[in-house]
C-alpha atoms as a PDB file:
ATOM      1  CA  UNK A   1     139.807  85.019 -38.127  1.00  0.00           C
ATOM      2  CA  UNK A   2     137.716  88.013 -37.761  1.00  0.00           C
ATOM      3  CA  UNK A   3     135.210  89.366 -40.553  1.00  0.00           C
ATOM      4  CA  UNK A   4     135.765  87.581 -43.751  1.00  0.00           C
ATOM      5  CA  UNK A   5     135.297  87.964 -47.700  1.00  0.00           C
ATOM      6  CA  UNK A   6     131.934  86.639 -49.500  1.00  0.00           C
ATOM      7  CA  UNK A   7     134.417  84.131 -51.162  1.00  0.00           C
ATOM      8  CA  UNK A   8     135.894  82.918 -47.775  1.00  0.00           C
ATOM      9  CA  UNK A   9     132.307  82.876 -46.403  1.00  0.00           C
ATOM     10  CA  UNK A  10     131.305  80.591 -49.436  1.00  0.00           C
ATOM     11  CA  UNK A  11     134.259  78.398 -48.913  1.00  0.00           C
ATOM     12  CA  UNK A  12     133.445  77.929 -45.233  1.00  0.00           C
ATOM     13  CA  UNK A  13     129.784  76.998 -46.132  1.00  0.00           C
ATOM     14  CA  UNK A  14     130.760  74.346 -48.242  1.00  0.00           C
ATOM     15  CA  UNK A  15     131.616  72.177 -44.944  1.00  0.00           C
ATOM     16  CA  UNK A  16     127.861  72.924 -43.841  1.00  0.00           C
ATOM     17  CA  UNK A  17     125.938  71.929 -46.966  1.00  0.00           C
ATOM     18  CA  UNK A  18     122.511  72.060 -44.756  1.00  0.00           C
ATOM     19  CA  UNK A  19     122.996  75.592 -43.375  1.00  0.00           C
ATOM     20  CA  UNK A  20     119.849  77.605 -44.068  1.00  0.00           C
ATOM     21  CA  UNK A  21     119.508  79.604 -47.069  1.00  0.00           C
ATOM     22  CA  UNK A  22     119.154  82.712 -45.293  1.00  0.00           C
ATOM     23  CA  UNK A  23     123.244  82.409 -44.126  1.00  0.00           C
ATOM     24  CA  UNK A  24     124.269  81.614 -47.669  1.00  0.00           C
ATOM     25  CA  UNK A  25     126.532  84.501 -49.274  1.00  0.00           C
ATOM     26  CA  UNK A  26     124.137  85.248 -51.844  1.00  0.00           C
ATOM     27  CA  UNK A  27     121.396  86.027 -49.547  1.00  0.00           C
ATOM     28  CA  UNK A  28     123.564  88.412 -47.776  1.00  0.00           C
ATOM     29  CA  UNK A  29     124.557  90.152 -51.151  1.00  0.00           C
ATOM     30  CA  UNK A  30     120.666  90.416 -51.649  1.00  0.00           C
ATOM     31  CA  UNK A  31     119.885  91.901 -48.530  1.00  0.00           C
ATOM     32  CA  UNK A  32     123.143  94.260 -48.590  1.00  0.00           C
ATOM     33  CA  UNK A  33     121.677  95.789 -51.861  1.00  0.00           C
ATOM     34  CA  UNK A  34     118.423  96.626 -50.140  1.00  0.00           C
ATOM     35  CA  UNK A  35     119.271  98.670 -46.951  1.00  0.00           C
ATOM     36  CA  UNK A  36     121.405  96.073 -44.928  1.00  0.00           C
ATOM     37  CA  UNK A  37     125.108  95.401 -44.590  1.00  0.00           C
ATOM     38  CA  UNK A  38     126.206  91.842 -44.536  1.00  0.00           C
ATOM     39  CA  UNK A  39     129.344  91.101 -42.460  1.00  0.00           C
ATOM     40  CA  UNK A  40     130.644  87.449 -42.196  1.00  0.00           C
ATOM     41  CA  UNK A  41     132.625  86.246 -38.921  1.00  0.00           C
ATOM     42  CA  UNK A  42     134.489  83.101 -38.712  1.00  0.00           C
ATOM     43  CA  UNK A  43     136.152  81.654 -35.639  1.00  0.00           C
ATOM     44  CA  UNK A  44     137.507  77.951 -36.286  1.00  0.00           C
ATOM     45  CA  UNK A  45     134.233  75.746 -36.986  1.00  0.00           C
ATOM     46  CA  UNK A  46     131.943  78.461 -35.862  1.00  0.00           C
ATOM     47  CA  UNK A  47     130.784  81.031 -38.458  1.00  0.00           C
ATOM     48  CA  UNK A  48     127.825  83.532 -38.793  1.00  0.00           C
ATOM     49  CA  UNK A  49     126.380  85.907 -41.477  1.00  0.00           C
ATOM     50  CA  UNK A  50     125.375  89.029 -39.569  1.00  0.00           C
ATOM     51  CA  UNK A  51     123.192  91.576 -41.128  1.00  0.00           C
ATOM     52  CA  UNK A  52     123.207  95.684 -40.022  1.00  0.00           C
ATOM     53  CA  UNK A  53     120.343  97.967 -40.370  1.00  0.00           C
ATOM     54  CA  UNK A  54     121.315 101.664 -40.720  1.00  0.00           C
ATOM     55  CA  UNK A  55     119.190 103.529 -38.073  1.00  0.00           C
ATOM     56  CA  UNK A  56     119.638 107.576 -37.599  1.00  0.00           C
ATOM     57  CA  UNK A  57     123.068 109.024 -36.071  1.00  0.00           C
ATOM     58  CA  UNK A  58     125.241 106.007 -37.187  1.00  0.00           C
ATOM     59  CA  UNK A  59     123.714 103.450 -35.091  1.00  0.00           C
ATOM     60  CA  UNK A  60     122.460 100.245 -36.515  1.00  0.00           C
ATOM     61  CA  UNK A  61     120.485  96.931 -35.617  1.00  0.00           C
ATOM     62  CA  UNK A  62     122.394  93.630 -35.906  1.00  0.00           C
ATOM     63  CA  UNK A  63     120.521  90.666 -37.206  1.00  0.00           C
ATOM     64  CA  UNK A  64     121.501  87.075 -37.820  1.00  0.00           C
ATOM     65  CA  UNK A  65     118.724  84.968 -39.416  1.00  0.00           C
ATOM     66  CA  UNK A  66     118.857  81.164 -38.873  1.00  0.00           C
ATOM     67  CA  UNK A  67     122.060  80.729 -37.075  1.00  0.00           C
ATOM     68  CA  UNK A  68     123.003  76.860 -36.774  1.00  0.00           C
ATOM     69  CA  UNK A  69     123.879  75.549 -33.699  1.00  0.00           C
ATOM     70  CA  UNK A  70     125.390  72.213 -34.710  1.00  0.00           C
ATOM     71  CA  UNK A  71     126.609  71.204 -31.579  1.00  0.00           C
ATOM     72  CA  UNK A  72     125.745  71.610 -27.720  1.00  0.00           C
ATOM     73  CA  UNK A  73     125.081  75.338 -27.545  1.00  0.00           C
ATOM     74  CA  UNK A  74     127.475  75.735 -24.724  1.00  0.00           C
ATOM     75  CA  UNK A  75     130.388  74.318 -26.455  1.00  0.00           C
ATOM     76  CA  UNK A  76     130.345  77.351 -28.743  1.00  0.00           C
ATOM     77  CA  UNK A  77     133.538  79.146 -28.011  1.00  0.00           C
ATOM     78  CA  UNK A  78     133.503  82.386 -25.815  1.00  0.00           C
ATOM     79  CA  UNK A  79     136.257  83.584 -28.819  1.00  0.00           C
ATOM     80  CA  UNK A  80     133.234  83.107 -31.530  1.00  0.00           C
ATOM     81  CA  UNK A  81     130.805  85.277 -29.271  1.00  0.00           C
ATOM     82  CA  UNK A  82     133.798  87.770 -28.895  1.00  0.00           C
ATOM     83  CA  UNK A  83     134.056  88.030 -32.888  1.00  0.00           C
ATOM     84  CA  UNK A  84     130.634  88.578 -32.830  1.00  0.00           C
ATOM     85  CA  UNK A  85     130.400  91.403 -30.378  1.00  0.00           C
ATOM     86  CA  UNK A  86     133.247  93.092 -32.146  1.00  0.00           C
ATOM     87  CA  UNK A  87     131.698  93.239 -35.238  1.00  0.00           C
ATOM     88  CA  UNK A  88     128.392  94.367 -33.515  1.00  0.00           C
ATOM     89  CA  UNK A  89     130.221  97.167 -31.657  1.00  0.00           C
ATOM     90  CA  UNK A  90     132.355  98.209 -34.597  1.00  0.00           C
ATOM     91  CA  UNK A  91     129.047  98.789 -36.457  1.00  0.00           C
ATOM     92  CA  UNK A  92     127.281 100.674 -33.648  1.00  0.00           C
ATOM     93  CA  UNK A  93     124.556  97.996 -33.063  1.00  0.00           C
ATOM     94  CA  UNK A  94     122.170  98.719 -30.528  1.00  0.00           C
ATOM     95  CA  UNK A  95     121.509  95.169 -30.343  1.00  0.00           C
ATOM     96  CA  UNK A  96     121.942  91.831 -31.791  1.00  0.00           C
ATOM     97  CA  UNK A  97     118.902  89.912 -32.435  1.00  0.00           C
ATOM     98  CA  UNK A  98     119.453  85.998 -33.786  1.00  0.00           C
ATOM     99  CA  UNK A  99     116.826  83.744 -34.724  1.00  0.00           C
ATOM    100  CA  UNK A 100     118.129  80.186 -33.972  1.00  0.00           C
ATOM    101  CA  UNK A 101     117.893  77.556 -37.141  1.00  0.00           C
ATOM    102  CA  UNK A 102     116.090  75.208 -34.640  1.00  0.00           C
ATOM    103  CA  UNK A 103     112.769  74.163 -33.448  1.00  0.00           C
ATOM    104  CA  UNK A 104     111.320  75.415 -30.379  1.00  0.00           C
ATOM    105  CA  UNK A 105     111.116  72.087 -28.764  1.00  0.00           C
ATOM    106  CA  UNK A 106     114.756  71.362 -29.478  1.00  0.00           C
ATOM    107  CA  UNK A 107     116.456  74.973 -28.115  1.00  0.00           C
ATOM    108  CA  UNK A 108     117.369  75.450 -24.844  1.00  0.00           C
ATOM    109  CA  UNK A 109     120.148  77.743 -25.281  1.00  0.00           C
ATOM    110  CA  UNK A 110     119.512  81.493 -23.307  1.00  0.00           C
ATOM    111  CA  UNK A 111     123.262  82.399 -22.258  1.00  0.00           C
ATOM    112  CA  UNK A 112     123.092  85.107 -19.476  1.00  0.00           C
ATOM    113  CA  UNK A 113     124.195  87.880 -21.978  1.00  0.00           C
ATOM    114  CA  UNK A 114     120.822  87.118 -24.023  1.00  0.00           C
ATOM    115  CA  UNK A 115     117.401  87.601 -23.619  1.00  0.00           C
ATOM    116  CA  UNK A 116     114.309  86.136 -25.238  1.00  0.00           C
ATOM    117  CA  UNK A 117     113.041  88.778 -28.013  1.00  0.00           C
ATOM    118  CA  UNK A 118     110.034  90.437 -28.016  1.00  0.00           C
ATOM    119  CA  UNK A 119     109.760  90.027 -31.795  1.00  0.00           C
ATOM    120  CA  UNK A 120     110.572  87.651 -34.742  1.00  0.00           C
ATOM    121  CA  UNK A 121     111.666  88.664 -38.101  1.00  0.00           C
ATOM    122  CA  UNK A 122     110.574  85.748 -40.057  1.00  0.00           C
ATOM    123  CA  UNK A 123     107.299  83.701 -39.415  1.00  0.00           C
ATOM    124  CA  UNK A 124     107.880  81.665 -36.228  1.00  0.00           C
ATOM    125  CA  UNK A 125     105.218  78.978 -37.516  1.00  0.00           C
ATOM    126  CA  UNK A 126     105.238  76.939 -40.367  1.00  0.00           C
ATOM    127  CA  UNK A 127     104.332  73.657 -41.981  1.00  0.00           C
ATOM    128  CA  UNK A 128     106.956  71.191 -42.776  1.00  0.00           C
ATOM    129  CA  UNK A 129     105.908  68.628 -45.516  1.00  0.00           C
ATOM    130  CA  UNK A 130     108.050  65.383 -45.663  1.00  0.00           C
ATOM    131  CA  UNK A 131     108.989  64.697 -49.356  1.00  0.00           C
ATOM    132  CA  UNK A 132     111.154  61.571 -48.967  1.00  0.00           C
ATOM    133  CA  UNK A 133     109.878  58.414 -50.300  1.00  0.00           C
ATOM    134  CA  UNK A 134     107.981  57.766 -53.735  1.00  0.00           C
ATOM    135  CA  UNK A 135     105.825  60.603 -55.270  1.00  0.00           C
ATOM    136  CA  UNK A 136     102.765  57.881 -54.448  1.00  0.00           C
ATOM    137  CA  UNK A 137     104.135  58.164 -50.650  1.00  0.00           C
ATOM    138  CA  UNK A 138     103.944  61.930 -50.816  1.00  0.00           C
ATOM    139  CA  UNK A 139     100.778  62.485 -52.442  1.00  0.00           C
ATOM    140  CA  UNK A 140      99.304  59.610 -49.806  1.00  0.00           C
ATOM    141  CA  UNK A 141     100.151  61.972 -46.812  1.00  0.00           C
ATOM    142  CA  UNK A 142      98.186  64.950 -48.432  1.00  0.00           C
ATOM    143  CA  UNK A 143      94.754  65.559 -47.631  1.00  0.00           C
ATOM    144  CA  UNK A 144      92.132  64.112 -50.004  1.00  0.00           C
ATOM    145  CA  UNK A 145      91.076  67.687 -51.261  1.00  0.00           C
ATOM    146  CA  UNK A 146      94.553  68.536 -52.078  1.00  0.00           C
ATOM    147  CA  UNK A 147      95.625  65.300 -54.026  1.00  0.00           C
ATOM    148  CA  UNK A 148      92.215  65.813 -55.936  1.00  0.00           C
ATOM    149  CA  UNK A 149      93.053  69.577 -56.786  1.00  0.00           C
ATOM    150  CA  UNK A 150      96.287  68.627 -58.184  1.00  0.00           C
ATOM    151  CA  UNK A 151      94.870  65.992 -60.478  1.00  0.00           C
ATOM    152  CA  UNK A 152      92.291  68.547 -61.508  1.00  0.00           C
ATOM    153  CA  UNK A 153      94.394  71.164 -62.401  1.00  0.00           C
ATOM    154  CA  UNK A 154      96.346  68.485 -64.711  1.00  0.00           C
ATOM    155  CA  UNK A 155      92.801  67.376 -66.463  1.00  0.00           C
ATOM    156  CA  UNK A 156      91.737  70.893 -66.791  1.00  0.00           C
ATOM    157  CA  UNK A 157      94.847  71.565 -69.069  1.00  0.00           C
ATOM    158  CA  UNK A 158      97.261  73.003 -66.501  1.00  0.00           C
ATOM    159  CA  UNK A 159     101.030  72.987 -67.054  1.00  0.00           C
ATOM    160  CA  UNK A 160     103.961  73.922 -65.074  1.00  0.00           C
ATOM    161  CA  UNK A 161     107.478  75.058 -66.694  1.00  0.00           C
ATOM    162  CA  UNK A 162     110.448  76.924 -65.740  1.00  0.00           C
ATOM    163  CA  UNK A 163     110.240  80.628 -66.109  1.00  0.00           C
ATOM    164  CA  UNK A 164     112.312  83.613 -66.281  1.00  0.00           C
ATOM    165  CA  UNK A 165     110.071  86.279 -66.761  1.00  0.00           C
ATOM    166  CA  UNK A 166     111.027  88.386 -63.676  1.00  0.00           C
ATOM    167  CA  UNK A 167     108.910  91.445 -64.480  1.00  0.00           C
ATOM    168  CA  UNK A 168     105.664  89.445 -65.420  1.00  0.00           C
ATOM    169  CA  UNK A 169     106.203  87.515 -61.983  1.00  0.00           C
ATOM    170  CA  UNK A 170     106.466  90.959 -60.019  1.00  0.00           C
ATOM    171  CA  UNK A 171     103.071  92.094 -61.931  1.00  0.00           C
ATOM    172  CA  UNK A 172     101.463  89.023 -60.758  1.00  0.00           C
ATOM    173  CA  UNK A 173     102.807  89.034 -57.077  1.00  0.00           C
ATOM    174  CA  UNK A 174     101.434  92.876 -56.984  1.00  0.00           C
ATOM    175  CA  UNK A 175      97.908  91.225 -57.843  1.00  0.00           C
ATOM    176  CA  UNK A 176      98.335  88.612 -54.779  1.00  0.00           C
ATOM    177  CA  UNK A 177      99.589  91.363 -52.417  1.00  0.00           C
ATOM    178  CA  UNK A 178      96.427  93.781 -52.921  1.00  0.00           C
ATOM    179  CA  UNK A 179      94.128  90.889 -52.937  1.00  0.00           C
ATOM    180  CA  UNK A 180      95.401  89.266 -49.956  1.00  0.00           C
ATOM    181  CA  UNK A 181      96.516  92.022 -48.179  1.00  0.00           C
ATOM    182  CA  UNK A 182     100.265  91.845 -47.962  1.00  0.00           C
ATOM    183  CA  UNK A 183     103.349  93.572 -48.787  1.00  0.00           C
ATOM    184  CA  UNK A 184     105.281  92.888 -51.495  1.00  0.00           C
ATOM    185  CA  UNK A 185     109.020  93.740 -52.366  1.00  0.00           C
ATOM    186  CA  UNK A 186     109.879  95.625 -55.432  1.00  0.00           C
ATOM    187  CA  UNK A 187     110.751  94.565 -59.095  1.00  0.00           C
ATOM    188  CA  UNK A 188     114.523  95.328 -58.445  1.00  0.00           C
ATOM    189  CA  UNK A 189     114.395  93.128 -55.193  1.00  0.00           C
ATOM    190  CA  UNK A 190     112.847  89.787 -56.962  1.00  0.00           C
ATOM    191  CA  UNK A 191     115.282  90.269 -59.973  1.00  0.00           C
ATOM    192  CA  UNK A 192     118.067  90.559 -58.097  1.00  0.00           C
ATOM    193  CA  UNK A 193     117.188  87.178 -55.950  1.00  0.00           C
ATOM    194  CA  UNK A 194     116.862  85.571 -59.308  1.00  0.00           C
ATOM    195  CA  UNK A 195     120.335  86.804 -60.649  1.00  0.00           C
ATOM    196  CA  UNK A 196     122.217  86.003 -57.205  1.00  0.00           C
ATOM    197  CA  UNK A 197     120.580  82.396 -56.712  1.00  0.00           C
ATOM    198  CA  UNK A 198     119.473  81.044 -59.874  1.00  0.00           C
ATOM    199  CA  UNK A 199     122.977  80.540 -61.324  1.00  0.00           C
ATOM    200  CA  UNK A 200     124.155  78.637 -58.271  1.00  0.00           C
ATOM    201  CA  UNK A 201     121.442  76.204 -58.653  1.00  0.00           C
ATOM    202  CA  UNK A 202     119.618  77.163 -55.507  1.00  0.00           C
ATOM    203  CA  UNK A 203     116.736  78.698 -56.939  1.00  0.00           C
ATOM    204  CA  UNK A 204     114.092  78.157 -59.909  1.00  0.00           C
ATOM    205  CA  UNK A 205     111.246  80.383 -60.618  1.00  0.00           C
ATOM    206  CA  UNK A 206     108.171  78.037 -61.872  1.00  0.00           C
ATOM    207  CA  UNK A 207     104.909  79.339 -63.527  1.00  0.00           C
ATOM    208  CA  UNK A 208     101.572  77.421 -63.962  1.00  0.00           C
ATOM    209  CA  UNK A 209      99.952  78.172 -67.211  1.00  0.00           C
ATOM    210  CA  UNK A 210      96.651  77.278 -69.239  1.00  0.00           C
ATOM    211  CA  UNK A 211      96.842  77.670 -72.906  1.00  0.00           C
ATOM    212  CA  UNK A 212     100.026  79.690 -72.770  1.00  0.00           C
ATOM    213  CA  UNK A 213      98.598  81.958 -70.142  1.00  0.00           C
ATOM    214  CA  UNK A 214     100.302  82.537 -66.885  1.00  0.00           C
ATOM    215  CA  UNK A 215      98.144  82.016 -63.839  1.00  0.00           C
ATOM    216  CA  UNK A 216     100.490  81.749 -61.157  1.00  0.00           C
ATOM    217  CA  UNK A 217     104.044  81.403 -60.339  1.00  0.00           C
ATOM    218  CA  UNK A 218     106.592  80.738 -57.379  1.00  0.00           C
ATOM    219  CA  UNK A 219     110.057  81.254 -56.489  1.00  0.00           C
ATOM    220  CA  UNK A 220     111.562  78.085 -54.838  1.00  0.00           C
ATOM    221  CA  UNK A 221     114.991  77.520 -52.949  1.00  0.00           C
ATOM    222  CA  UNK A 222     116.992  74.393 -52.104  1.00  0.00           C
ATOM    223  CA  UNK A 223     119.925  73.664 -50.368  1.00  0.00           C
ATOM    224  CA  UNK A 224     121.201  70.600 -48.835  1.00  0.00           C
ATOM    225  CA  UNK A 225     118.614  68.748 -47.522  1.00  0.00           C
ATOM    226  CA  UNK A 226     115.673  71.524 -47.609  1.00  0.00           C
ATOM    227  CA  UNK A 227     113.504  73.374 -49.766  1.00  0.00           C
ATOM    228  CA  UNK A 228     111.846  76.283 -49.038  1.00  0.00           C
ATOM    229  CA  UNK A 229     108.811  77.866 -50.864  1.00  0.00           C
ATOM    230  CA  UNK A 230     109.479  81.575 -50.370  1.00  0.00           C
ATOM    231  CA  UNK A 231     107.726  83.783 -52.793  1.00  0.00           C
ATOM    232  CA  UNK A 232     104.220  83.205 -54.438  1.00  0.00           C
ATOM    233  CA  UNK A 233     101.660  84.946 -56.383  1.00  0.00           C
ATOM    234  CA  UNK A 234      98.586  84.177 -58.698  1.00  0.00           C
ATOM    235  CA  UNK A 235      96.491  86.642 -60.631  1.00  0.00           C
ATOM    236  CA  UNK A 236      92.622  86.332 -60.738  1.00  0.00           C
ATOM    237  CA  UNK A 237      92.036  84.368 -63.595  1.00  0.00           C
ATOM    238  CA  UNK A 238      90.988  80.616 -64.131  1.00  0.00           C
ATOM    239  CA  UNK A 239      91.267  79.872 -60.577  1.00  0.00           C
ATOM    240  CA  UNK A 240      88.863  77.311 -61.023  1.00  0.00           C
ATOM    241  CA  UNK A 241      91.480  75.352 -62.402  1.00  0.00           C
ATOM    242  CA  UNK A 242      93.567  74.978 -59.262  1.00  0.00           C
ATOM    243  CA  UNK A 243      97.014  76.139 -60.746  1.00  0.00           C
ATOM    244  CA  UNK A 244      98.629  76.899 -57.519  1.00  0.00           C
ATOM    245  CA  UNK A 245      98.089  73.095 -56.296  1.00  0.00           C
ATOM    246  CA  UNK A 246      99.932  72.073 -59.174  1.00  0.00           C
ATOM    247  CA  UNK A 247     102.663  74.345 -59.113  1.00  0.00           C
ATOM    248  CA  UNK A 248     103.351  73.703 -55.413  1.00  0.00           C
ATOM    249  CA  UNK A 249     103.752  69.971 -56.179  1.00  0.00           C
ATOM    250  CA  UNK A 250     105.708  70.591 -58.974  1.00  0.00           C
ATOM    251  CA  UNK A 251     107.968  72.827 -56.626  1.00  0.00           C
ATOM    252  CA  UNK A 252     108.382  69.966 -54.219  1.00  0.00           C
ATOM    253  CA  UNK A 253     109.455  67.770 -56.972  1.00  0.00           C
ATOM    254  CA  UNK A 254     112.023  70.480 -57.992  1.00  0.00           C
ATOM    255  CA  UNK A 255     113.284  70.418 -54.353  1.00  0.00           C
ATOM    256  CA  UNK A 256     113.600  66.176 -54.237  1.00  0.00           C
ATOM    257  CA  UNK A 257     115.589  66.501 -57.542  1.00  0.00           C
ATOM    258  CA  UNK A 258     118.057  68.753 -55.776  1.00  0.00           C
ATOM    259  CA  UNK A 259     118.308  66.347 -52.887  1.00  0.00           C
ATOM    260  CA  UNK A 260     115.839  67.771 -50.537  1.00  0.00           C
ATOM    261  CA  UNK A 261     113.939  65.671 -48.088  1.00  0.00           C
ATOM    262  CA  UNK A 262     112.029  68.168 -46.666  1.00  0.00           C
ATOM    263  CA  UNK A 263     110.026  71.408 -47.930  1.00  0.00           C
ATOM    264  CA  UNK A 264     109.141  74.462 -46.028  1.00  0.00           C
ATOM    265  CA  UNK A 265     105.907  76.113 -46.709  1.00  0.00           C
ATOM    266  CA  UNK A 266     107.369  79.381 -45.110  1.00  0.00           C
ATOM    267  CA  UNK A 267     104.929  80.894 -42.763  1.00  0.00           C
ATOM    268  CA  UNK A 268     101.356  80.119 -41.285  1.00  0.00           C
ATOM    269  CA  UNK A 269      99.452  81.979 -38.275  1.00  0.00           C
ATOM    270  CA  UNK A 270     101.205  81.522 -35.061  1.00  0.00           C
ATOM    271  CA  UNK A 271      98.753  79.751 -33.278  1.00  0.00           C
ATOM    272  CA  UNK A 272      98.416  75.918 -31.954  1.00  0.00           C
ATOM    273  CA  UNK A 273      97.077  73.378 -34.216  1.00  0.00           C
ATOM    274  CA  UNK A 274      93.828  73.141 -32.206  1.00  0.00           C
ATOM    275  CA  UNK A 275      93.053  76.833 -32.890  1.00  0.00           C
ATOM    276  CA  UNK A 276      94.538  76.822 -36.674  1.00  0.00           C
ATOM    277  CA  UNK A 277      91.965  74.025 -37.352  1.00  0.00           C
ATOM    278  CA  UNK A 278      88.954  75.556 -35.225  1.00  0.00           C
ATOM    279  CA  UNK A 279      89.014  78.616 -37.243  1.00  0.00           C
ATOM    280  CA  UNK A 280      90.619  78.561 -40.516  1.00  0.00           C
ATOM    281  CA  UNK A 281      87.303  78.407 -42.397  1.00  0.00           C
ATOM    282  CA  UNK A 282      85.890  81.312 -41.062  1.00  0.00           C
ATOM    283  CA  UNK A 283      89.187  83.922 -40.900  1.00  0.00           C
ATOM    284  CA  UNK A 284      91.042  85.400 -43.739  1.00  0.00           C
ATOM    285  CA  UNK A 285      93.375  88.076 -42.267  1.00  0.00           C
ATOM    286  CA  UNK A 286      96.907  87.797 -42.203  1.00  0.00           C
ATOM    287  CA  UNK A 287      98.263  84.323 -42.834  1.00  0.00           C
ATOM    288  CA  UNK A 288      94.873  82.979 -42.291  1.00  0.00           C
ATOM    289  CA  UNK A 289      94.148  82.417 -45.763  1.00  0.00           C
ATOM    290  CA  UNK A 290      97.420  80.801 -46.873  1.00  0.00           C
ATOM    291  CA  UNK A 291      96.948  78.321 -43.772  1.00  0.00           C
ATOM    292  CA  UNK A 292      93.889  77.129 -45.669  1.00  0.00           C
ATOM    293  CA  UNK A 293      95.937  76.279 -48.744  1.00  0.00           C
ATOM    294  CA  UNK A 294      99.200  74.849 -46.928  1.00  0.00           C
ATOM    295  CA  UNK A 295      97.347  72.565 -44.613  1.00  0.00           C
ATOM    296  CA  UNK A 296      96.354  70.212 -47.434  1.00  0.00           C
ATOM    297  CA  UNK A 297      99.702  69.150 -48.539  1.00  0.00           C
ATOM    298  CA  UNK A 298     100.102  66.811 -45.379  1.00  0.00           C
ATOM    299  CA  UNK A 299     103.101  68.652 -43.693  1.00  0.00           C
ATOM    300  CA  UNK A 300     103.520  69.181 -39.857  1.00  0.00           C
ATOM    301  CA  UNK A 301     103.032  72.212 -37.983  1.00  0.00           C
ATOM    302  CA  UNK A 302     106.200  73.314 -36.239  1.00  0.00           C
ATOM    303  CA  UNK A 303     107.066  76.547 -34.565  1.00  0.00           C
ATOM    304  CA  UNK A 304     110.611  77.965 -34.562  1.00  0.00           C
ATOM    305  CA  UNK A 305     112.769  78.755 -31.729  1.00  0.00           C
ATOM    306  CA  UNK A 306     111.959  82.342 -30.285  1.00  0.00           C
ATOM    307  CA  UNK A 307     114.638  85.113 -30.972  1.00  0.00           C
ATOM    308  CA  UNK A 308     116.876  86.034 -28.603  1.00  0.00           C
ATOM    309  CA  UNK A 309     118.400  89.421 -28.317  1.00  0.00           C
ATOM    310  CA  UNK A 310     121.815  90.864 -26.758  1.00  0.00           C
ATOM    311  CA  UNK A 311     121.542  94.380 -25.829  1.00  0.00           C
ATOM    312  CA  UNK A 312     124.641  96.939 -26.447  1.00  0.00           C
ATOM    313  CA  UNK A 313     122.822 100.218 -25.720  1.00  0.00           C
ATOM    314  CA  UNK A 314     120.034  99.602 -23.083  1.00  0.00           C
ATOM    315  CA  UNK A 315     118.135 103.120 -23.399  1.00  0.00           C
ATOM    316  CA  UNK A 316     117.996 102.988 -27.375  1.00  0.00           C
ATOM    317  CA  UNK A 317     116.683  99.353 -27.247  1.00  0.00           C
ATOM    318  CA  UNK A 318     114.199 100.149 -24.916  1.00  0.00           C
ATOM    319  CA  UNK A 319     113.311 103.172 -27.245  1.00  0.00           C
ATOM    320  CA  UNK A 320     113.462 100.831 -30.339  1.00  0.00           C
ATOM    321  CA  UNK A 321     110.684  98.264 -28.479  1.00  0.00           C
ATOM    322  CA  UNK A 322     108.628 101.367 -27.661  1.00  0.00           C
ATOM    323  CA  UNK A 323     108.462 102.704 -31.151  1.00  0.00           C
ATOM    324  CA  UNK A 324     107.991  98.700 -32.196  1.00  0.00           C
ATOM    325  CA  UNK A 325     104.958  98.351 -29.768  1.00  0.00           C
ATOM    326  CA  UNK A 326     103.472 101.775 -31.439  1.00  0.00           C
ATOM    327  CA  UNK A 327     103.728 100.600 -34.828  1.00  0.00           C
ATOM    328  CA  UNK A 328     101.781  97.136 -33.661  1.00  0.00           C
ATOM    329  CA  UNK A 329      99.487  98.729 -31.803  1.00  0.00           C
ATOM    330  CA  UNK A 330      98.726 101.347 -34.688  1.00  0.00           C
END
């Protein structure tokens, strides 16, 4: 079966309850509203959602985020890869980038047609919190200061509830982005994400408040055995009440109620643990500030398998890498 409809893709994913949230039809629809085109390909028991980003002169970049290799990679059929190639060539892709849904030490698939990429789209390193067992078990695995801050927030009158104020969330995340130096999406982007995912039960927006005043909020996702902390925000008020700690704890509790067994804190600096622990108290650039916060929840530092690229147009691929290097250097 070549390219399939959104409904056919969602039916296919019913057989894969632990597929990554970035492979869901809802994620494809979200990205399609903001500069990408989602194409879904199914070949027997293998499938992929491919995102195409338009470039000048009708060319595109093809990207498969978090493709699951649920069998030995060498067993994936040649016919599946042909379907993927046909879709990429039809959309005039310069290259195809795949980020495997696997950890670095578990993934050894480097077919001759692919090369290791020089660029990851998603943060390669993250912290995974084990949310199995009792709540007491989970809290016991956290660092003492983190447990203290969760309880302090409760004692200081912070409460967490379900929220649907996307405008308020966007205003708050703009404050966070300005304070911590990272880019934020448009209001329409967060609204569309909520409209697509919330009705499915895969997403919730939570807010931490003090005396009915919003202090922090996050958008949490869950599918199968995994939960993900994807978008978070806090303003500059009442920070001594530690609202973000209680908020994160309640997000973990929500993911547990959905059946998740692990919780992905989604992105820390791409350094080994010794470097992170040696430097986190002295650095605030990039993701260093969030590492200081996320490390407290007692998770395991993990690094995703490196992205791999398949090149269809070598000349334009070299030009793309040249421009990428220029942006990173500038």
